[in-house]
C-alpha atoms as a PDB file:
ATOM      1  CA  MET A   1      75.213 117.654 100.793  1.00  0.00           C
ATOM      2  CA  SER A   2      73.616 114.584  99.275  1.00  0.00           C
ATOM      3  CA  ASP A   3      72.809 111.818 101.743  1.00  0.00           C
ATOM      4  CA  ARG A   4      73.845 109.255  99.157  1.00  0.00           C
ATOM      5  CA  SER A   5      77.174 107.484  99.565  1.00  0.00           C
ATOM      6  CA  PRO A   6      80.078 109.307  97.897  1.00  0.00           C
ATOM      7  CA  VAL A   7      81.486 107.705  94.786  1.00  0.00           C
ATOM      8  CA  CYS A   8      85.020 106.870  93.708  1.00  0.00           C
ATOM      9  CA  LEU A   9      85.142 106.671  89.919  1.00  0.00           C
ATOM     10  CA  VAL A  10      88.065 104.644  88.546  1.00  0.00           C
ATOM     11  CA  ILE A  11      88.634 105.133  84.823  1.00  0.00           C
ATOM     12  CA  GLY A  12      90.624 102.149  83.618  1.00  0.00           C
ATOM     13  CA  ALA A  13      90.116  99.695  86.471  1.00  0.00           C
ATOM     14  CA  GLY A  14      92.503  97.048  85.214  1.00  0.00           C
ATOM     15  CA  ASP A  15      93.707  93.955  87.014  1.00  0.00           C
ATOM     16  CA  ALA A  16      96.621  95.733  88.697  1.00  0.00           C
ATOM     17  CA  THR A  17      96.668  99.390  89.794  1.00  0.00           C
ATOM     18  CA  GLY A  18      93.112 100.319  88.851  1.00  0.00           C
ATOM     19  CA  GLY A  19      91.606  97.269  90.488  1.00  0.00           C
ATOM     20  CA  ALA A  20      93.673  97.814  93.640  1.00  0.00           C
ATOM     21  CA  VAL A  21      92.533 101.437  93.845  1.00  0.00           C
ATOM     22  CA  ALA A  22      88.910 100.367  93.432  1.00  0.00           C
ATOM     23  CA  ARG A  23      89.228  97.835  96.256  1.00  0.00           C
ATOM     24  CA  ARG A  24      90.958 100.317  98.576  1.00  0.00           C
ATOM     25  CA  PHE A  25      88.327 103.000  98.196  1.00  0.00           C
ATOM     26  CA  ALA A  26      85.536 100.455  98.593  1.00  0.00           C
ATOM     27  CA  LYS A  27      87.216  99.348 101.823  1.00  0.00           C
ATOM     28  CA  GLY A  28      87.182 102.998 102.896  1.00  0.00           C
ATOM     29  CA  GLY A  29      83.415 103.201 102.501  1.00  0.00           C
ATOM     30  CA  TYR A  30      83.082 104.583  98.991  1.00  0.00           C
ATOM     31  CA  THR A  31      80.745 103.266  96.364  1.00  0.00           C
ATOM     32  CA  VAL A  32      83.077 102.355  93.524  1.00  0.00           C
ATOM     33  CA  CYS A  33      82.195 102.935  89.901  1.00  0.00           C
ATOM     34  CA  ALA A  34      84.764 101.198  87.724  1.00  0.00           C
ATOM     35  CA  THR A  35      85.140 101.407  83.966  1.00  0.00           C
ATOM     36  CA  ARG A  36      86.787  99.415  81.218  1.00  0.00           C
ATOM     37  CA  ARG A  37      85.959  99.130  77.567  1.00  0.00           C
ATOM     38  CA  ASN A  38      85.230  95.440  78.117  1.00  0.00           C
ATOM     39  CA  LEU A  39      82.763  95.073  80.971  1.00  0.00           C
ATOM     40  CA  ASP A  40      83.458  91.348  81.361  1.00  0.00           C
ATOM     41  CA  LYS A  41      87.016  92.143  82.441  1.00  0.00           C
ATOM     42  CA  LEU A  42      85.654  93.975  85.493  1.00  0.00           C
ATOM     43  CA  LYS A  43      83.841  90.942  86.829  1.00  0.00           C
ATOM     44  CA  SER A  44      86.520  89.656  89.215  1.00  0.00           C
ATOM     45  CA  THR A  45      87.192  93.108  90.700  1.00  0.00           C
ATOM     46  CA  LEU A  46      83.496  93.810  91.275  1.00  0.00           C
ATOM     47  CA  GLU A  47      82.911  90.379  92.781  1.00  0.00           C
ATOM     48  CA  GLN A  48      85.834  90.761  95.170  1.00  0.00           C
ATOM     49  CA  ILE A  49      84.642  94.164  96.354  1.00  0.00           C
ATOM     50  CA  GLU A  50      81.147  92.846  96.993  1.00  0.00           C
ATOM     51  CA  ALA A  51      82.484  89.716  98.730  1.00  0.00           C
ATOM     52  CA  ASP A  52      84.396  92.014 101.084  1.00  0.00           C
ATOM     53  CA  GLY A  53      81.202  93.908 101.909  1.00  0.00           C
ATOM     54  CA  GLY A  54      81.739  96.871  99.595  1.00  0.00           C
ATOM     55  CA  ARG A  55      79.560  98.459  96.933  1.00  0.00           C
ATOM     56  CA  ALA A  56      80.623  98.511  93.299  1.00  0.00           C
ATOM     57  CA  HIS A  57      79.200  99.163  89.852  1.00  0.00           C
ATOM     58  CA  GLY A  58      80.838  98.371  86.537  1.00  0.00           C
ATOM     59  CA  PHE A  59      80.524 100.331  83.316  1.00  0.00           C
ATOM     60  CA  SER A  60      81.610  99.646  79.769  1.00  0.00           C
ATOM     61  CA  SER A  61      82.834 102.982  78.481  1.00  0.00           C
ATOM     62  CA  ASP A  62      85.277 104.282  75.899  1.00  0.00           C
ATOM     63  CA  ALA A  63      87.043 107.085  77.753  1.00  0.00           C
ATOM     64  CA  ARG A  64      88.050 108.722  74.446  1.00  0.00           C
ATOM     65  CA  VAL A  65      84.476 109.353  73.293  1.00  0.00           C
ATOM     66  CA  GLU A  66      83.010 112.590  74.614  1.00  0.00           C
ATOM     67  CA  ALA A  67      79.368 111.518  74.458  1.00  0.00           C
ATOM     68  CA  GLU A  68      80.103 108.331  76.404  1.00  0.00           C
ATOM     69  CA  VAL A  69      82.043 110.217  79.089  1.00  0.00           C
ATOM     70  CA  VAL A  70      79.297 112.814  79.505  1.00  0.00           C
ATOM     71  CA  ARG A  71      76.669 110.075  79.769  1.00  0.00           C
ATOM     72  CA  LEU A  72      78.750 108.054  82.239  1.00  0.00           C
ATOM     73  CA  VAL A  73      79.257 110.933  84.655  1.00  0.00           C
ATOM     74  CA  ASP A  74      75.631 112.024  84.379  1.00  0.00           C
ATOM     75  CA  ASP A  75      74.370 108.494  85.036  1.00  0.00           C
ATOM     76  CA  ILE A  76      76.552 108.076  88.110  1.00  0.00           C
ATOM     77  CA  GLU A  77      75.666 111.453  89.600  1.00  0.00           C
ATOM     78  CA  THR A  78      71.959 110.944  88.912  1.00  0.00           C
ATOM     79  CA  THR A  79      71.447 107.337  89.948  1.00  0.00           C
ATOM     80  CA  ILE A  80      74.304 106.369  92.288  1.00  0.00           C
ATOM     81  CA  GLY A  81      75.842 109.312  94.114  1.00  0.00           C
ATOM     82  CA  PRO A  82      78.143 112.322  94.000  1.00  0.00           C
ATOM     83  CA  ILE A  83      81.585 111.657  92.564  1.00  0.00           C
ATOM     84  CA  GLU A  84      84.007 112.668  95.291  1.00  0.00           C
ATOM     85  CA  VAL A  85      87.085 110.951  93.827  1.00  0.00           C
ATOM     86  CA  MET A  86      88.095 110.323  90.235  1.00  0.00           C
ATOM     87  CA  VAL A  87      91.157 108.262  89.372  1.00  0.00           C
ATOM     88  CA  PHE A  88      92.267 108.301  85.744  1.00  0.00           C
ATOM     89  CA  ASN A  89      94.333 105.185  85.209  1.00  0.00           C
ATOM     90  CA  ILE A  90      94.538 104.453  81.475  1.00  0.00           C
ATOM     91  CA  GLY A  91      98.021 103.341  80.464  1.00  0.00           C
ATOM     92  CA  ALA A  92      98.389 103.138  76.647  1.00  0.00           C
ATOM     93  CA  ASN A  93     102.009 101.999  76.871  1.00  0.00           C
ATOM     94  CA  VAL A  94     102.631 100.912  73.266  1.00  0.00           C
ATOM     95  CA  PRO A  95     106.324 100.910  72.254  1.00  0.00           C
ATOM     96  CA  SER A  96     107.391 101.596  68.678  1.00  0.00           C
ATOM     97  CA  SER A  97     110.438 102.936  66.868  1.00  0.00           C
ATOM     98  CA  ILE A  98     109.857 106.454  65.587  1.00  0.00           C
ATOM     99  CA  LEU A  99     110.835 105.042  62.180  1.00  0.00           C
ATOM    100  CA  ASP A 100     107.918 102.630  62.272  1.00  0.00           C
ATOM    101  CA  GLU A 101     105.358 104.709  64.159  1.00  0.00           C
ATOM    102  CA  THR A 102     102.147 105.463  62.307  1.00  0.00           C
ATOM    103  CA  ALA A 103      99.979 108.543  62.576  1.00  0.00           C
ATOM    104  CA  ARG A 104      96.986 106.394  63.501  1.00  0.00           C
ATOM    105  CA  ARG A 105      98.764 104.597  66.342  1.00  0.00           C
ATOM    106  CA  TYR A 106     100.385 107.789  67.632  1.00  0.00           C
ATOM    107  CA  MET A 107      96.995 109.503  67.742  1.00  0.00           C
ATOM    108  CA  LYS A 108      95.366 106.524  69.432  1.00  0.00           C
ATOM    109  CA  VAL A 109      97.984 106.530  72.206  1.00  0.00           C
ATOM    110  CA  TRP A 110      97.456 110.260  72.729  1.00  0.00           C
ATOM    111  CA  GLU A 111      93.690 109.793  72.821  1.00  0.00           C
ATOM    112  CA  MET A 112      93.911 107.066  75.456  1.00  0.00           C
ATOM    113  CA  ALA A 113      96.605 108.523  77.693  1.00  0.00           C
ATOM    114  CA  CYS A 114      95.858 112.243  77.460  1.00  0.00           C
ATOM    115  CA  PHE A 115      92.670 113.254  75.646  1.00  0.00           C
ATOM    116  CA  ALA A 116      90.634 110.783  77.694  1.00  0.00           C
ATOM    117  CA  GLY A 117      92.106 112.322  80.844  1.00  0.00           C
ATOM    118  CA  PHE A 118      90.901 115.736  79.706  1.00  0.00           C
ATOM    119  CA  LEU A 119      87.380 114.505  78.936  1.00  0.00           C
ATOM    120  CA  ASN A 120      86.914 112.664  82.216  1.00  0.00           C
ATOM    121  CA  GLY A 121      88.660 115.324  84.289  1.00  0.00           C
ATOM    122  CA  ARG A 122      86.535 118.077  82.799  1.00  0.00           C
ATOM    123  CA  GLU A 123      83.210 116.336  83.323  1.00  0.00           C
ATOM    124  CA  VAL A 124      83.967 115.337  86.911  1.00  0.00           C
ATOM    125  CA  ALA A 125      85.365 118.781  87.738  1.00  0.00           C
ATOM    126  CA  LYS A 126      82.125 120.401  86.571  1.00  0.00           C
ATOM    127  CA  ARG A 127      80.201 118.355  89.115  1.00  0.00           C
ATOM    128  CA  MET A 128      82.686 118.977  91.899  1.00  0.00           C
ATOM    129  CA  VAL A 129      82.721 122.744  91.334  1.00  0.00           C
ATOM    130  CA  ALA A 130      78.922 122.755  91.516  1.00  0.00           C
ATOM    131  CA  ARG A 131      79.264 121.565  95.119  1.00  0.00           C
ATOM    132  CA  GLU A 132      81.382 124.525  96.222  1.00  0.00           C
ATOM    133  CA  GLY A 133      80.522 125.776  99.681  1.00  0.00           C
ATOM    134  CA  GLU A 134      79.773 122.307 101.008  1.00  0.00           C
ATOM    135  CA  GLY A 135      83.253 121.669 102.419  1.00  0.00           C
ATOM    136  CA  PRO A 136      86.066 119.673 100.773  1.00  0.00           C
ATOM    137  CA  HIS A 137      84.414 118.198  97.751  1.00  0.00           C
ATOM    138  CA  GLY A 138      86.735 116.439  95.405  1.00  0.00           C
ATOM    139  CA  THR A 139      89.972 114.701  94.519  1.00  0.00           C
ATOM    140  CA  ILE A 140      91.149 114.001  90.977  1.00  0.00           C
ATOM    141  CA  ILE A 141      94.181 111.759  90.521  1.00  0.00           C
ATOM    142  CA  PHE A 142      95.940 111.168  87.219  1.00  0.00           C
ATOM    143  CA  THR A 143      98.272 108.163  87.013  1.00  0.00           C
ATOM    144  CA  GLY A 144     101.551 108.996  85.310  1.00  0.00           C
ATOM    145  CA  ALA A 145     104.715 107.045  84.589  1.00  0.00           C
ATOM    146  CA  THR A 146     108.437 107.422  84.075  1.00  0.00           C
ATOM    147  CA  ALA A 147     107.473 108.658  80.601  1.00  0.00           C
ATOM    148  CA  SER A 148     105.790 111.658  82.226  1.00  0.00           C
ATOM    149  CA  LEU A 149     109.271 113.033  82.946  1.00  0.00           C
ATOM    150  CA  ARG A 150     111.471 111.876  80.089  1.00  0.00           C
ATOM    151  CA  GLY A 151     111.119 110.404  76.653  1.00  0.00           C
ATOM    152  CA  SER A 152     112.839 107.083  76.082  1.00  0.00           C
ATOM    153  CA  ALA A 153     113.828 105.479  72.809  1.00  0.00           C
ATOM    154  CA  ASN A 154     110.888 103.730  71.145  1.00  0.00           C
ATOM    155  CA  PHE A 155     108.304 105.516  73.316  1.00  0.00           C
ATOM    156  CA  ALA A 156     107.718 108.783  71.464  1.00  0.00           C
ATOM    157  CA  ALA A 157     103.939 108.419  71.411  1.00  0.00           C
ATOM    158  CA  PHE A 158     103.593 107.273  75.016  1.00  0.00           C
ATOM    159  CA  SER A 159     106.030 109.864  76.369  1.00  0.00           C
ATOM    160  CA  GLY A 160     104.351 112.676  74.462  1.00  0.00           C
ATOM    161  CA  ALA A 161     100.938 111.704  75.787  1.00  0.00           C
ATOM    162  CA  LYS A 162     102.154 111.293  79.365  1.00  0.00           C
ATOM    163  CA  HIS A 163     103.966 114.638  79.269  1.00  0.00           C
ATOM    164  CA  ALA A 164     100.716 116.218  78.107  1.00  0.00           C
ATOM    165  CA  LEU A 165      98.702 114.497  80.841  1.00  0.00           C
ATOM    166  CA  ARG A 166     101.099 115.877  83.439  1.00  0.00           C
ATOM    167  CA  ALA A 167     100.655 119.394  82.032  1.00  0.00           C
ATOM    168  CA  LEU A 168      96.883 118.926  82.117  1.00  0.00           C
ATOM    169  CA  ALA A 169      97.075 117.936  85.782  1.00  0.00           C
ATOM    170  CA  GLN A 170      99.241 120.954  86.632  1.00  0.00           C
ATOM    171  CA  SER A 171      96.885 123.340  84.865  1.00  0.00           C
ATOM    172  CA  MET A 172      93.816 121.830  86.522  1.00  0.00           C
ATOM    173  CA  ALA A 173      95.466 121.938  89.947  1.00  0.00           C
ATOM    174  CA  ARG A 174      96.264 125.631  89.618  1.00  0.00           C
ATOM    175  CA  GLU A 175      92.731 126.447  88.505  1.00  0.00           C
ATOM    176  CA  LEU A 176      90.729 124.114  90.718  1.00  0.00           C
ATOM    177  CA  GLY A 177      92.823 123.937  93.888  1.00  0.00           C
ATOM    178  CA  PRO A 178      91.594 127.353  95.095  1.00  0.00           C
ATOM    179  CA  ARG A 179      88.067 126.059  94.547  1.00  0.00           C
ATOM    180  CA  GLY A 180      88.548 123.131  96.907  1.00  0.00           C
ATOM    181  CA  ILE A 181      89.379 120.389  94.413  1.00  0.00           C
ATOM    182  CA  HIS A 182      92.581 118.454  95.037  1.00  0.00           C
ATOM    183  CA  VAL A 183      94.195 117.563  91.688  1.00  0.00           C
ATOM    184  CA  CYS A 184      97.130 115.149  91.869  1.00  0.00           C
ATOM    185  CA  HIS A 185      99.532 113.556  89.423  1.00  0.00           C
ATOM    186  CA  THR A 186     101.464 110.431  90.352  1.00  0.00           C
ATOM    187  CA  ILE A 187     104.589 109.067  88.726  1.00  0.00           C
ATOM    188  CA  ILE A 188     104.934 105.301  88.934  1.00  0.00           C
ATOM    189  CA  ASP A 189     108.638 104.944  88.197  1.00  0.00           C
ATOM    190  CA  GLY A 190     109.155 101.213  88.028  1.00  0.00           C
ATOM    191  CA  ALA A 191     107.693  97.906  86.914  1.00  0.00           C
ATOM    192  CA  ILE A 192     104.356  97.035  88.509  1.00  0.00           C
ATOM    193  CA  ASP A 193     103.431  93.525  89.638  1.00  0.00           C
ATOM    194  CA  THR A 194     101.302  92.509  86.655  1.00  0.00           C
ATOM    195  CA  ALA A 195     100.876  89.444  84.471  1.00  0.00           C
ATOM    196  CA  PHE A 196     102.450  91.425  81.622  1.00  0.00           C
ATOM    197  CA  ILE A 197     105.675  91.968  83.567  1.00  0.00           C
ATOM    198  CA  ARG A 198     105.647  88.362  84.791  1.00  0.00           C
ATOM    199  CA  ASP A 199     105.258  86.935  81.294  1.00  0.00           C
ATOM    200  CA  ASN A 200     107.441  89.342  79.314  1.00  0.00           C
ATOM    201  CA  PHE A 201     110.166  90.422  81.754  1.00  0.00           C
ATOM    202  CA  PRO A 202     110.909  87.396  83.952  1.00  0.00           C
ATOM    203  CA  ASP A 203     114.241  88.781  85.154  1.00  0.00           C
ATOM    204  CA  ARG A 204     112.554  91.912  86.435  1.00  0.00           C
ATOM    205  CA  TYR A 205     109.667  89.938  87.895  1.00  0.00           C
ATOM    206  CA  ALA A 206     112.168  87.796  89.797  1.00  0.00           C
ATOM    207  CA  LEU A 207     112.894  90.893  91.897  1.00  0.00           C
ATOM    208  CA  LYS A 208     109.418  90.733  93.411  1.00  0.00           C
ATOM    209  CA  ASP A 209     110.588  88.802  96.474  1.00  0.00           C
ATOM    210  CA  ARG A 210     113.098  91.603  97.145  1.00  0.00           C
ATOM    211  CA  ASP A 211     110.466  94.351  96.812  1.00  0.00           C
ATOM    212  CA  GLY A 212     111.991  95.236  93.458  1.00  0.00           C
ATOM    213  CA  ILE A 213     108.713  95.785  91.633  1.00  0.00           C
ATOM    214  CA  VAL A 214     105.761  97.879  92.706  1.00  0.00           C
ATOM    215  CA  ASN A 215     102.864  96.259  94.536  1.00  0.00           C
ATOM    216  CA  PRO A 216      99.548  97.666  93.189  1.00  0.00           C
ATOM    217  CA  ASP A 217      98.038  97.569  96.682  1.00  0.00           C
ATOM    218  CA  HIS A 218     100.771  99.912  97.873  1.00  0.00           C
ATOM    219  CA  ILE A 219     100.008 102.334  95.044  1.00  0.00           C
ATOM    220  CA  ALA A 220      96.370 102.212  96.136  1.00  0.00           C
ATOM    221  CA  GLU A 221      97.360 103.100  99.714  1.00  0.00           C
ATOM    222  CA  ALA A 222      99.241 106.118  98.403  1.00  0.00           C
ATOM    223  CA  TYR A 223      96.162 107.223  96.456  1.00  0.00           C
ATOM    224  CA  TRP A 224      94.028 106.861  99.569  1.00  0.00           C
ATOM    225  CA  MET A 225      96.560 108.982 101.474  1.00  0.00           C
ATOM    226  CA  LEU A 226      96.420 111.696  98.797  1.00  0.00           C
ATOM    227  CA  HIS A 227      92.646 111.840  99.024  1.00  0.00           C
ATOM    228  CA  LYS A 228      92.685 112.042 102.801  1.00  0.00           C
ATOM    229  CA  GLN A 229      95.330 114.785 103.064  1.00  0.00           C
ATOM    230  CA  PRO A 230      94.281 117.920 104.941  1.00  0.00           C
ATOM    231  CA  ARG A 231      93.933 120.802 102.525  1.00  0.00           C
ATOM    232  CA  ASP A 232      96.565 122.903 104.286  1.00  0.00           C
ATOM    233  CA  ALA A 233      99.194 120.367 103.126  1.00  0.00           C
ATOM    234  CA  TRP A 234      98.083 119.040  99.756  1.00  0.00           C
ATOM    235  CA  THR A 235     100.510 117.122  97.562  1.00  0.00           C
ATOM    236  CA  HIS A 236     100.197 117.761  93.854  1.00  0.00           C
ATOM    237  CA  GLU A 237     102.801 115.342  92.496  1.00  0.00           C
ATOM    238  CA  LEU A 238     103.900 112.111  94.124  1.00  0.00           C
ATOM    239  CA  ASP A 239     106.474 109.744  92.670  1.00  0.00           C
ATOM    240  CA  MET A 240     106.782 106.100  93.685  1.00  0.00           C
ATOM    241  CA  ARG A 241     109.486 103.603  92.821  1.00  0.00           C
ATOM    242  CA  PRO A 242     111.070 100.464  94.322  1.00  0.00           C
ATOM    243  CA  TRP A 243     113.976 101.145  96.635  1.00  0.00           C
ATOM    244  CA  MET A 244     116.447  99.664  94.119  1.00  0.00           C
ATOM    245  CA  GLU A 245     115.155 101.624  91.103  1.00  0.00           C
ATOM    246  CA  LYS A 246     117.552 104.233  89.653  1.00  0.00           C
ATOM    247  CA  PHE A 247     116.254 107.723  88.984  1.00  0.00           C
END
């Protein structure tokens, strides 16, 4: 095994779930490598991790571009450390009536929410498989949504992409689980405490004081739990929702 610190790679380390996951794994002793297309938007997350005594690196990367993904994973493995955890957390939640949907926008949503998951999952899995025989050596977590299970009106593109991401996770789990790689898919079935929900859905955001929307830090704790599970009792799919959410 490498004597370098293990890495948690967070693809799509936004201000809510992705940032919370990055902070939680840094707290657990991992060197965090966080990505967004706009590097400046990572500044606050990286600064907070470092202020808390953790180690973090930020990368500007388009998760849909194969060459960029290959280069990102190679750079991390070569210069920082072995990727032990990869969290794919790109949302791409863009509503549109099927009557107004365009081919370009539909394809872009699929690229962000599914194709990017394939590219990043594949490259990280290659590195994890290469460490077979060295004990438990990898966790890959794909963030899903309510749309992973059912298609809602005005969300044809998003639902199609999230369904496909779930199928990707299932296929990878069946192939890679016997090789010591824990592949998980989570379903976040509810509004998350974000500025977007606060500004656009004030009635829903008002439920925060009653635990009616999901706290990103609590999602991060669940991800940490998934990574730390003993391999004789691995969870593949985990759904999370507020206690008052219908399902």
